[in-house]
Amino acid sequence: MTTTLLLIRHATNDLLTTHRLGGRTPAVHLNDQGRAEAEALADRLARRNLAAVYSSPMERALETAQAVAARHGLEVHVHPGLHEVDCGQWSGLPLAQVRGNPRWLALETYPTLNPYPEGETIWQVQVRVVAALEEIRSAHPGQSVAVVSHADPIRAAVAHYIGLPLDLFRRLLISPASLTVLAFDLLPFGEDT
């Protein structure tokens, strides 16, 4: 029996196209390109038998999830564990501005030890997101579930499941409206893979 989690990064929005650190900046919606990406993703998943669609509470993720859910006649379940990284004081700032800060180099080099100013470490993000995914996986054994989140939370989760040291998680490329598949098989002795 295989349980499949389809990890989806939200589609494009204006913070991405203007090179700003999104974090938990409120009211960031998909732009025209993002809406088209979300519809294309929904088309791609239209023939997939989805049991549920979960989403981060951020608008950009919800709008992406709603496009997928609508094709399947499903409601979107908002899960706070799928939330974007809390970038604290840096949320919404231009990347060029934060890259000039010495804390940025520390955060990029050792993200597990260095939080965003008044925000989270990537280790805290990984613990939160993996707990959410395990909860979702337990609720849907043997089913396929779409899970819409953000680049860094998805990277952190994938790093956990493939055994990649978390300080190297940025080596994983998670593009807007991309799909990353995690499949879990139940072994004969009851252990998961």
N, C-alpha and C. Protein backbone atom coordinates (compact mmCIF):
# COMPACT_ATOMS: atom_id res chain seq x y z
N MET A 1 0.86 -1.18 0.00
CA MET A 1 0.00 0.00 0.00
C MET A 1 0.90 1.24 0.00
N THR A 2 0.75 2.08 -1.00
CA THR A 2 1.58 3.28 -1.13
C THR A 2 0.77 4.52 -0.80
N THR A 3 1.33 5.33 0.07
CA THR A 3 0.78 6.65 0.36
C THR A 3 1.65 7.66 -0.35
N THR A 4 1.05 8.53 -1.14
CA THR A 4 1.80 9.49 -1.95
C THR A 4 1.45 10.91 -1.55
N LEU A 5 2.47 11.68 -1.21
CA LEU A 5 2.30 13.10 -0.94
C LEU A 5 2.87 13.87 -2.11
N LEU A 6 2.02 14.65 -2.76
CA LEU A 6 2.43 15.49 -3.89
C LEU A 6 2.71 16.88 -3.33
N LEU A 7 3.98 17.18 -3.11
CA LEU A 7 4.38 18.47 -2.55
C LEU A 7 4.44 19.49 -3.67
N ILE A 8 3.67 20.54 -3.52
CA ILE A 8 3.54 21.56 -4.56
C ILE A 8 3.96 22.90 -3.99
N ARG A 9 4.88 23.55 -4.68
CA ARG A 9 5.19 24.93 -4.31
C ARG A 9 4.14 25.83 -4.95
N HIS A 10 3.72 26.85 -4.21
CA HIS A 10 2.76 27.81 -4.77
C HIS A 10 3.28 28.39 -6.07
N ALA A 11 2.39 28.91 -6.87
CA ALA A 11 2.74 29.49 -8.16
C ALA A 11 3.31 30.91 -7.99
N THR A 12 3.68 31.53 -9.09
CA THR A 12 4.38 32.82 -9.10
C THR A 12 3.51 33.96 -8.59
N ASN A 13 4.18 34.86 -7.87
CA ASN A 13 3.55 36.08 -7.35
C ASN A 13 4.53 37.23 -7.52
N ASP A 14 4.08 38.44 -7.24
CA ASP A 14 4.92 39.61 -7.49
C ASP A 14 6.13 39.71 -6.57
N LEU A 15 6.09 39.12 -5.37
CA LEU A 15 7.28 39.12 -4.52
C LEU A 15 8.40 38.33 -5.18
N LEU A 16 8.06 37.24 -5.84
CA LEU A 16 9.08 36.46 -6.54
C LEU A 16 9.67 37.23 -7.70
N THR A 17 8.81 37.87 -8.48
CA THR A 17 9.29 38.55 -9.68
C THR A 17 10.04 39.84 -9.36
N THR A 18 9.85 40.38 -8.15
CA THR A 18 10.58 41.59 -7.76
C THR A 18 11.73 41.27 -6.81
N HIS A 19 12.03 39.97 -6.63
CA HIS A 19 13.17 39.50 -5.84
C HIS A 19 13.13 40.02 -4.40
N ARG A 20 12.00 39.76 -3.75
CA ARG A 20 11.85 40.11 -2.34
C ARG A 20 11.74 38.82 -1.53
N LEU A 21 12.14 38.92 -0.28
CA LEU A 21 12.03 37.80 0.65
C LEU A 21 10.60 37.77 1.15
N GLY A 22 9.81 36.82 0.67
CA GLY A 22 8.39 36.79 0.98
C GLY A 22 8.09 36.53 2.43
N GLY A 23 8.62 35.42 2.95
CA GLY A 23 8.29 35.06 4.32
C GLY A 23 6.78 35.04 4.51
N ARG A 24 6.36 35.57 5.63
CA ARG A 24 4.93 35.58 5.95
C ARG A 24 4.27 36.92 5.65
N THR A 25 4.78 37.63 4.67
CA THR A 25 4.16 38.88 4.25
C THR A 25 2.71 38.60 3.87
N PRO A 26 1.76 39.31 4.48
CA PRO A 26 0.35 39.03 4.20
C PRO A 26 -0.10 39.57 2.84
N ALA A 27 -1.21 39.03 2.37
CA ALA A 27 -1.90 39.51 1.16
C ALA A 27 -1.04 39.46 -0.09
N VAL A 28 -0.22 38.43 -0.22
CA VAL A 28 0.56 38.22 -1.44
C VAL A 28 -0.20 37.18 -2.27
N HIS A 29 -0.79 37.65 -3.35
CA HIS A 29 -1.62 36.80 -4.21
C HIS A 29 -0.85 36.39 -5.46
N LEU A 30 -1.34 35.37 -6.14
CA LEU A 30 -0.76 34.99 -7.41
C LEU A 30 -0.96 36.12 -8.42
N ASN A 31 0.04 36.33 -9.26
CA ASN A 31 -0.13 37.28 -10.35
C ASN A 31 -0.68 36.53 -11.57
N ASP A 32 -0.78 37.20 -12.71
CA ASP A 32 -1.34 36.56 -13.90
C ASP A 32 -0.57 35.30 -14.29
N GLN A 33 0.75 35.41 -14.25
CA GLN A 33 1.58 34.24 -14.57
C GLN A 33 1.31 33.11 -13.58
N GLY A 34 1.21 33.45 -12.31
CA GLY A 34 0.95 32.45 -11.28
C GLY A 34 -0.40 31.77 -11.43
N ARG A 35 -1.42 32.55 -11.78
CA ARG A 35 -2.74 31.94 -11.99
C ARG A 35 -2.70 30.96 -13.16
N ALA A 36 -1.97 31.32 -14.22
CA ALA A 36 -1.84 30.41 -15.37
C ALA A 36 -1.06 29.15 -14.96
N GLU A 37 -0.01 29.32 -14.14
CA GLU A 37 0.75 28.16 -13.66
C GLU A 37 -0.12 27.24 -12.81
N ALA A 38 -0.94 27.83 -11.95
CA ALA A 38 -1.82 27.04 -11.08
C ALA A 38 -2.83 26.25 -11.90
N GLU A 39 -3.37 26.86 -12.94
CA GLU A 39 -4.31 26.16 -13.81
C GLU A 39 -3.62 25.04 -14.58
N ALA A 40 -2.40 25.29 -15.04
CA ALA A 40 -1.64 24.25 -15.75
C ALA A 40 -1.33 23.08 -14.82
N LEU A 41 -1.01 23.39 -13.58
CA LEU A 41 -0.76 22.34 -12.59
C LEU A 41 -2.04 21.54 -12.33
N ALA A 42 -3.15 22.24 -12.21
CA ALA A 42 -4.44 21.57 -12.01
C ALA A 42 -4.75 20.65 -13.19
N ASP A 43 -4.45 21.11 -14.42
CA ASP A 43 -4.63 20.26 -15.61
C ASP A 43 -3.76 19.01 -15.51
N ARG A 44 -2.52 19.20 -15.09
CA ARG A 44 -1.58 18.08 -14.99
C ARG A 44 -2.06 17.03 -14.00
N LEU A 45 -2.70 17.47 -12.92
CA LEU A 45 -3.15 16.56 -11.87
C LEU A 45 -4.61 16.12 -12.02
N ALA A 46 -5.27 16.57 -13.07
CA ALA A 46 -6.71 16.31 -13.23
C ALA A 46 -7.05 14.83 -13.24
N ARG A 47 -6.19 13.99 -13.81
CA ARG A 47 -6.49 12.56 -13.89
C ARG A 47 -5.97 11.77 -12.69
N ARG A 48 -5.28 12.45 -11.82
CA ARG A 48 -4.76 11.79 -10.60
C ARG A 48 -5.89 11.67 -9.59
N ASN A 49 -6.01 10.55 -8.95
CA ASN A 49 -7.04 10.35 -7.93
C ASN A 49 -6.54 10.92 -6.60
N LEU A 50 -6.98 12.12 -6.27
CA LEU A 50 -6.56 12.76 -5.03
C LEU A 50 -7.61 12.55 -3.94
N ALA A 51 -7.15 12.19 -2.76
CA ALA A 51 -8.05 12.01 -1.62
C ALA A 51 -8.29 13.33 -0.90
N ALA A 52 -7.30 14.23 -0.96
CA ALA A 52 -7.42 15.50 -0.22
C ALA A 52 -6.40 16.49 -0.76
N VAL A 53 -6.65 17.77 -0.46
CA VAL A 53 -5.72 18.85 -0.79
C VAL A 53 -5.51 19.65 0.49
N TYR A 54 -4.24 19.80 0.87
CA TYR A 54 -3.87 20.59 2.05
C TYR A 54 -3.06 21.79 1.60
N SER A 55 -3.08 22.85 2.41
CA SER A 55 -2.36 24.07 2.04
C SER A 55 -1.85 24.82 3.26
N SER A 56 -0.79 25.53 3.03
CA SER A 56 -0.32 26.58 3.94
C SER A 56 -1.42 27.64 4.03
N PRO A 57 -1.48 28.39 5.12
CA PRO A 57 -2.49 29.45 5.22
C PRO A 57 -2.20 30.70 4.38
N MET A 58 -1.03 30.79 3.76
CA MET A 58 -0.69 31.98 2.97
C MET A 58 -1.53 32.03 1.70
N GLU A 59 -1.95 33.23 1.30
CA GLU A 59 -2.84 33.41 0.15
C GLU A 59 -2.29 32.78 -1.12
N ARG A 60 -0.99 32.96 -1.37
CA ARG A 60 -0.41 32.43 -2.61
C ARG A 60 -0.49 30.91 -2.66
N ALA A 61 -0.36 30.26 -1.52
CA ALA A 61 -0.49 28.80 -1.47
C ALA A 61 -1.96 28.39 -1.59
N LEU A 62 -2.83 29.09 -0.88
CA LEU A 62 -4.26 28.77 -0.94
C LEU A 62 -4.81 28.88 -2.35
N GLU A 63 -4.41 29.92 -3.08
CA GLU A 63 -4.90 30.11 -4.44
C GLU A 63 -4.42 28.99 -5.36
N THR A 64 -3.19 28.53 -5.14
CA THR A 64 -2.67 27.41 -5.92
C THR A 64 -3.44 26.14 -5.57
N ALA A 65 -3.65 25.91 -4.28
CA ALA A 65 -4.37 24.72 -3.81
C ALA A 65 -5.81 24.72 -4.31
N GLN A 66 -6.44 25.87 -4.33
CA GLN A 66 -7.84 25.95 -4.78
C GLN A 66 -7.98 25.55 -6.24
N ALA A 67 -6.99 25.91 -7.07
CA ALA A 67 -7.04 25.51 -8.48
C ALA A 67 -7.01 23.99 -8.61
N VAL A 68 -6.14 23.34 -7.83
CA VAL A 68 -6.04 21.88 -7.87
C VAL A 68 -7.30 21.24 -7.29
N ALA A 69 -7.75 21.72 -6.14
CA ALA A 69 -8.91 21.13 -5.46
C ALA A 69 -10.18 21.24 -6.30
N ALA A 70 -10.34 22.36 -7.01
CA ALA A 70 -11.56 22.57 -7.81
C ALA A 70 -11.72 21.48 -8.87
N ARG A 71 -10.62 21.02 -9.46
CA ARG A 71 -10.68 19.98 -10.49
C ARG A 71 -11.14 18.63 -9.94
N HIS A 72 -11.01 18.48 -8.63
CA HIS A 72 -11.34 17.20 -8.00
C HIS A 72 -12.58 17.28 -7.12
N GLY A 73 -13.22 18.44 -7.09
CA GLY A 73 -14.40 18.61 -6.25
C GLY A 73 -14.07 18.50 -4.77
N LEU A 74 -12.87 18.91 -4.39
CA LEU A 74 -12.41 18.81 -3.00
C LEU A 74 -12.32 20.18 -2.36
N GLU A 75 -12.39 20.20 -1.04
CA GLU A 75 -12.14 21.41 -0.28
C GLU A 75 -10.66 21.45 0.06
N VAL A 76 -10.15 22.65 0.29
CA VAL A 76 -8.76 22.80 0.72
C VAL A 76 -8.73 22.80 2.25
N HIS A 77 -7.89 21.93 2.80
CA HIS A 77 -7.67 21.88 4.25
C HIS A 77 -6.44 22.72 4.57
N VAL A 78 -6.63 23.77 5.35
CA VAL A 78 -5.50 24.63 5.74
C VAL A 78 -4.80 23.98 6.94
N HIS A 79 -3.49 23.84 6.84
CA HIS A 79 -2.71 23.25 7.93
C HIS A 79 -1.59 24.23 8.30
N PRO A 80 -1.58 24.73 9.54
CA PRO A 80 -0.56 25.70 9.95
C PRO A 80 0.86 25.16 9.89
N GLY A 81 1.02 23.85 9.96
CA GLY A 81 2.35 23.27 9.87
C GLY A 81 3.01 23.42 8.51
N LEU A 82 2.21 23.78 7.50
CA LEU A 82 2.73 23.97 6.14
C LEU A 82 3.10 25.42 5.84
N HIS A 83 3.00 26.26 6.87
CA HIS A 83 3.23 27.70 6.73
C HIS A 83 4.63 27.99 6.19
N GLU A 84 4.76 29.14 5.57
CA GLU A 84 6.04 29.63 5.07
C GLU A 84 6.99 29.87 6.25
N VAL A 85 8.28 29.92 5.96
CA VAL A 85 9.28 30.26 6.96
C VAL A 85 8.96 31.64 7.53
N ASP A 86 9.11 31.77 8.83
CA ASP A 86 8.95 33.08 9.47
C ASP A 86 10.28 33.81 9.33
N CYS A 87 10.34 34.75 8.40
CA CYS A 87 11.56 35.52 8.15
C CYS A 87 11.68 36.74 9.06
N GLY A 88 10.76 36.85 10.01
CA GLY A 88 10.83 37.92 11.00
C GLY A 88 10.91 39.29 10.37
N GLN A 89 11.89 40.07 10.82
CA GLN A 89 12.06 41.46 10.37
C GLN A 89 12.39 41.57 8.88
N TRP A 90 12.84 40.49 8.29
CA TRP A 90 13.24 40.55 6.88
C TRP A 90 12.10 40.25 5.91
N SER A 91 10.95 39.88 6.40
CA SER A 91 9.82 39.57 5.51
C SER A 91 9.49 40.76 4.62
N GLY A 92 9.41 40.50 3.33
CA GLY A 92 9.04 41.53 2.36
C GLY A 92 10.17 42.42 1.88
N LEU A 93 11.36 42.28 2.48
CA LEU A 93 12.48 43.14 2.08
C LEU A 93 13.11 42.66 0.77
N PRO A 94 13.71 43.59 0.01
CA PRO A 94 14.42 43.18 -1.20
C PRO A 94 15.61 42.28 -0.84
N LEU A 95 15.82 41.23 -1.61
CA LEU A 95 16.94 40.33 -1.35
C LEU A 95 18.27 41.07 -1.39
N ALA A 96 18.40 42.04 -2.28
CA ALA A 96 19.64 42.81 -2.37
C ALA A 96 19.95 43.51 -1.04
N GLN A 97 18.94 43.94 -0.34
CA GLN A 97 19.13 44.62 0.95
C GLN A 97 19.57 43.63 2.03
N VAL A 98 18.95 42.47 2.13
CA VAL A 98 19.31 41.53 3.19
C VAL A 98 20.64 40.84 2.90
N ARG A 99 20.98 40.68 1.64
CA ARG A 99 22.26 40.04 1.30
C ARG A 99 23.45 40.87 1.77
N GLY A 100 23.26 42.15 1.99
CA GLY A 100 24.32 43.00 2.51
C GLY A 100 24.49 42.90 4.01
N ASN A 101 23.62 42.20 4.68
CA ASN A 101 23.67 42.05 6.13
C ASN A 101 24.55 40.85 6.50
N PRO A 102 25.50 41.01 7.43
CA PRO A 102 26.35 39.88 7.82
C PRO A 102 25.56 38.66 8.33
N ARG A 103 24.39 38.89 8.88
CA ARG A 103 23.58 37.76 9.36
C ARG A 103 23.11 36.89 8.19
N TRP A 104 22.99 37.48 7.01
CA TRP A 104 22.55 36.71 5.85
C TRP A 104 23.57 35.62 5.50
N LEU A 105 24.85 35.98 5.51
CA LEU A 105 25.89 34.99 5.20
C LEU A 105 25.86 33.85 6.22
N ALA A 106 25.71 34.19 7.49
CA ALA A 106 25.62 33.16 8.53
C ALA A 106 24.40 32.28 8.31
N LEU A 107 23.29 32.90 7.99
CA LEU A 107 22.04 32.16 7.77
C LEU A 107 22.14 31.26 6.55
N GLU A 108 22.77 31.73 5.50
CA GLU A 108 22.92 30.94 4.28
C GLU A 108 23.94 29.81 4.46
N THR A 109 24.97 30.04 5.29
CA THR A 109 26.01 29.04 5.49
C THR A 109 25.57 27.94 6.45
N TYR A 110 24.96 28.34 7.58
CA TYR A 110 24.49 27.40 8.60
C TYR A 110 23.06 27.73 8.99
N PRO A 111 22.10 27.42 8.12
CA PRO A 111 20.72 27.80 8.41
C PRO A 111 20.11 27.08 9.62
N THR A 112 20.69 25.94 10.01
CA THR A 112 20.15 25.24 11.17
C THR A 112 20.42 25.97 12.47
N LEU A 113 21.49 26.75 12.50
CA LEU A 113 21.88 27.43 13.74
C LEU A 113 21.51 28.90 13.77
N ASN A 114 21.22 29.48 12.64
CA ASN A 114 21.02 30.92 12.55
C ASN A 114 19.60 31.25 12.12
N PRO A 115 18.83 31.84 13.02
CA PRO A 115 17.45 32.22 12.66
C PRO A 115 17.43 33.53 11.88
N TYR A 116 16.33 33.74 11.18
CA TYR A 116 16.06 35.07 10.64
C TYR A 116 15.86 35.99 11.84
N PRO A 117 16.18 37.28 11.71
CA PRO A 117 15.98 38.20 12.84
C PRO A 117 14.52 38.16 13.32
N GLU A 118 14.34 37.73 14.53
CA GLU A 118 13.01 37.55 15.14
C GLU A 118 12.16 36.55 14.36
N GLY A 119 12.82 35.59 13.73
CA GLY A 119 12.12 34.56 12.96
C GLY A 119 12.59 33.17 13.33
N GLU A 120 12.43 32.23 12.38
CA GLU A 120 12.74 30.82 12.61
C GLU A 120 14.10 30.43 12.06
N THR A 121 14.62 29.32 12.60
CA THR A 121 15.73 28.62 11.94
C THR A 121 15.11 27.60 10.99
N ILE A 122 15.89 27.14 10.05
CA ILE A 122 15.36 26.14 9.12
C ILE A 122 15.13 24.81 9.85
N TRP A 123 15.87 24.57 10.93
CA TRP A 123 15.63 23.37 11.73
C TRP A 123 14.23 23.42 12.33
N GLN A 124 13.82 24.58 12.85
CA GLN A 124 12.46 24.72 13.40
C GLN A 124 11.42 24.49 12.30
N VAL A 125 11.72 24.99 11.11
CA VAL A 125 10.81 24.80 9.97
C VAL A 125 10.69 23.31 9.65
N GLN A 126 11.83 22.62 9.59
CA GLN A 126 11.81 21.20 9.25
C GLN A 126 10.99 20.39 10.26
N VAL A 127 11.19 20.65 11.54
CA VAL A 127 10.43 19.93 12.57
C VAL A 127 8.94 20.15 12.38
N ARG A 128 8.55 21.39 12.14
CA ARG A 128 7.13 21.75 11.97
C ARG A 128 6.53 21.09 10.73
N VAL A 129 7.23 21.19 9.61
CA VAL A 129 6.68 20.69 8.34
C VAL A 129 6.65 19.16 8.32
N VAL A 130 7.69 18.51 8.80
CA VAL A 130 7.68 17.04 8.82
C VAL A 130 6.57 16.53 9.73
N ALA A 131 6.35 17.18 10.87
CA ALA A 131 5.24 16.78 11.75
C ALA A 131 3.91 16.91 11.01
N ALA A 132 3.74 17.98 10.26
CA ALA A 132 2.49 18.17 9.49
C ALA A 132 2.34 17.10 8.42
N LEU A 133 3.42 16.80 7.70
CA LEU A 133 3.35 15.78 6.65
C LEU A 133 3.07 14.39 7.23
N GLU A 134 3.65 14.09 8.37
CA GLU A 134 3.39 12.80 9.01
C GLU A 134 1.93 12.70 9.46
N GLU A 135 1.39 13.80 9.95
CA GLU A 135 -0.03 13.83 10.33
C GLU A 135 -0.92 13.60 9.11
N ILE A 136 -0.60 14.28 8.02
CA ILE A 136 -1.38 14.13 6.77
C ILE A 136 -1.25 12.70 6.24
N ARG A 137 -0.03 12.19 6.24
CA ARG A 137 0.21 10.82 5.76
C ARG A 137 -0.56 9.80 6.57
N SER A 138 -0.58 9.97 7.88
CA SER A 138 -1.32 9.05 8.76
C SER A 138 -2.82 9.10 8.52
N ALA A 139 -3.31 10.27 8.14
CA ALA A 139 -4.75 10.43 7.90
C ALA A 139 -5.20 9.86 6.56
N HIS A 140 -4.24 9.58 5.65
CA HIS A 140 -4.58 9.14 4.30
C HIS A 140 -3.76 7.93 3.86
N PRO A 141 -3.78 6.82 4.62
CA PRO A 141 -2.97 5.66 4.22
C PRO A 141 -3.42 5.10 2.87
N GLY A 142 -2.44 4.83 2.02
CA GLY A 142 -2.74 4.25 0.71
C GLY A 142 -3.38 5.20 -0.28
N GLN A 143 -3.36 6.49 0.00
CA GLN A 143 -3.99 7.47 -0.88
C GLN A 143 -2.96 8.48 -1.39
N SER A 144 -3.37 9.25 -2.39
CA SER A 144 -2.56 10.36 -2.90
C SER A 144 -3.16 11.66 -2.39
N VAL A 145 -2.29 12.54 -1.91
CA VAL A 145 -2.72 13.80 -1.33
C VAL A 145 -1.86 14.93 -1.89
N ALA A 146 -2.48 16.03 -2.30
CA ALA A 146 -1.75 17.22 -2.73
C ALA A 146 -1.51 18.10 -1.51
N VAL A 147 -0.28 18.58 -1.38
CA VAL A 147 0.12 19.41 -0.25
C VAL A 147 0.82 20.65 -0.80
N VAL A 148 0.20 21.82 -0.64
CA VAL A 148 0.74 23.05 -1.21
C VAL A 148 1.42 23.85 -0.10
N SER A 149 2.69 24.18 -0.35
CA SER A 149 3.46 24.92 0.64
C SER A 149 4.40 25.89 -0.09
N HIS A 150 5.61 26.01 0.43
CA HIS A 150 6.57 27.02 -0.04
C HIS A 150 7.92 26.35 -0.27
N ALA A 151 8.82 27.03 -0.96
CA ALA A 151 10.10 26.43 -1.36
C ALA A 151 10.90 25.90 -0.17
N ASP A 152 11.19 26.75 0.81
CA ASP A 152 12.04 26.30 1.91
C ASP A 152 11.39 25.22 2.77
N PRO A 153 10.12 25.32 3.12
CA PRO A 153 9.51 24.20 3.85
C PRO A 153 9.55 22.88 3.06
N ILE A 154 9.34 22.94 1.75
CA ILE A 154 9.41 21.72 0.94
C ILE A 154 10.84 21.20 0.91
N ARG A 155 11.82 22.09 0.71
CA ARG A 155 13.23 21.67 0.72
C ARG A 155 13.58 20.99 2.04
N ALA A 156 13.16 21.61 3.15
CA ALA A 156 13.47 21.07 4.47
C ALA A 156 12.86 19.69 4.66
N ALA A 157 11.63 19.51 4.20
CA ALA A 157 10.97 18.21 4.32
C ALA A 157 11.66 17.16 3.46
N VAL A 158 11.96 17.50 2.22
CA VAL A 158 12.62 16.55 1.33
C VAL A 158 13.99 16.17 1.89
N ALA A 159 14.72 17.15 2.42
CA ALA A 159 16.02 16.86 3.03
C ALA A 159 15.86 15.81 4.14
N HIS A 160 14.84 15.96 4.95
CA HIS A 160 14.57 14.99 6.02
C HIS A 160 14.36 13.59 5.44
N TYR A 161 13.48 13.49 4.47
CA TYR A 161 13.10 12.17 3.95
C TYR A 161 14.19 11.49 3.13
N ILE A 162 15.09 12.25 2.53
CA ILE A 162 16.17 11.62 1.75
C ILE A 162 17.48 11.56 2.52
N GLY A 163 17.50 12.09 3.75
CA GLY A 163 18.70 12.03 4.57
C GLY A 163 19.77 13.05 4.21
N LEU A 164 19.39 14.14 3.56
CA LEU A 164 20.33 15.20 3.21
C LEU A 164 20.58 16.07 4.45
N PRO A 165 21.85 16.34 4.80
CA PRO A 165 22.09 17.25 5.92
C PRO A 165 21.36 18.57 5.68
N LEU A 166 20.68 19.04 6.71
CA LEU A 166 19.80 20.19 6.54
C LEU A 166 20.54 21.46 6.14
N ASP A 167 21.79 21.61 6.56
CA ASP A 167 22.53 22.80 6.14
C ASP A 167 22.78 22.83 4.64
N LEU A 168 22.53 21.73 3.94
CA LEU A 168 22.70 21.66 2.48
C LEU A 168 21.37 21.71 1.74
N PHE A 169 20.29 22.01 2.44
CA PHE A 169 18.95 21.92 1.85
C PHE A 169 18.75 22.85 0.66
N ARG A 170 19.48 23.95 0.58
CA ARG A 170 19.30 24.88 -0.54
C ARG A 170 19.82 24.31 -1.86
N ARG A 171 20.48 23.18 -1.83
CA ARG A 171 20.90 22.52 -3.07
C ARG A 171 19.71 21.95 -3.83
N LEU A 172 18.59 21.81 -3.16
CA LEU A 172 17.37 21.30 -3.79
C LEU A 172 16.64 22.46 -4.46
N LEU A 173 16.33 22.31 -5.72
CA LEU A 173 15.63 23.36 -6.47
C LEU A 173 14.13 23.06 -6.44
N ILE A 174 13.36 24.00 -5.90
CA ILE A 174 11.91 23.87 -5.83
C ILE A 174 11.33 25.11 -6.53
N SER A 175 10.95 24.97 -7.77
CA SER A 175 10.47 26.09 -8.58
C SER A 175 8.99 26.38 -8.31
N PRO A 176 8.53 27.59 -8.68
CA PRO A 176 7.10 27.90 -8.52
C PRO A 176 6.23 26.90 -9.29
N ALA A 177 5.15 26.48 -8.66
CA ALA A 177 4.18 25.53 -9.24
C ALA A 177 4.80 24.18 -9.57
N SER A 178 5.92 23.86 -8.90
CA SER A 178 6.56 22.57 -9.16
C SER A 178 5.94 21.48 -8.29
N LEU A 179 6.19 20.26 -8.69
CA LEU A 179 5.64 19.08 -8.04
C LEU A 179 6.79 18.19 -7.60
N THR A 180 6.84 17.86 -6.31
CA THR A 180 7.83 16.95 -5.74
C THR A 180 7.05 15.80 -5.12
N VAL A 181 7.34 14.58 -5.52
CA VAL A 181 6.55 13.43 -5.09
C VAL A 181 7.30 12.64 -4.02
N LEU A 182 6.62 12.43 -2.88
CA LEU A 182 7.12 11.54 -1.83
C LEU A 182 6.17 10.34 -1.77
N ALA A 183 6.71 9.14 -1.97
CA ALA A 183 5.89 7.93 -1.92
C ALA A 183 6.38 7.06 -0.77
N PHE A 184 5.44 6.61 0.05
CA PHE A 184 5.74 5.81 1.23
C PHE A 184 5.08 4.45 1.08
N ASP A 185 5.88 3.39 1.11
CA ASP A 185 5.35 2.03 1.00
C ASP A 185 5.37 1.37 2.37
N LEU A 186 4.34 0.60 2.65
CA LEU A 186 4.29 -0.16 3.89
C LEU A 186 5.00 -1.48 3.67
N LEU A 187 6.04 -1.72 4.45
CA LEU A 187 6.79 -2.98 4.34
C LEU A 187 6.04 -4.11 5.05
N PRO A 188 6.37 -5.36 4.74
CA PRO A 188 5.68 -6.49 5.36
C PRO A 188 5.72 -6.49 6.89
N PHE A 189 6.77 -5.95 7.48
CA PHE A 189 6.89 -5.95 8.93
C PHE A 189 6.28 -4.71 9.56
N GLY A 190 5.58 -3.90 8.78
CA GLY A 190 4.92 -2.72 9.32
C GLY A 190 5.78 -1.49 9.39
N GLU A 191 6.98 -1.55 8.83
CA GLU A 191 7.85 -0.39 8.83
C GLU A 191 7.68 0.36 7.52
N ASP A 192 7.73 1.68 7.59
CA ASP A 192 7.59 2.50 6.39
C ASP A 192 8.94 2.71 5.72
N THR A 193 8.87 2.99 4.41
CA THR A 193 10.06 3.41 3.67
C THR A 193 9.80 4.76 3.08
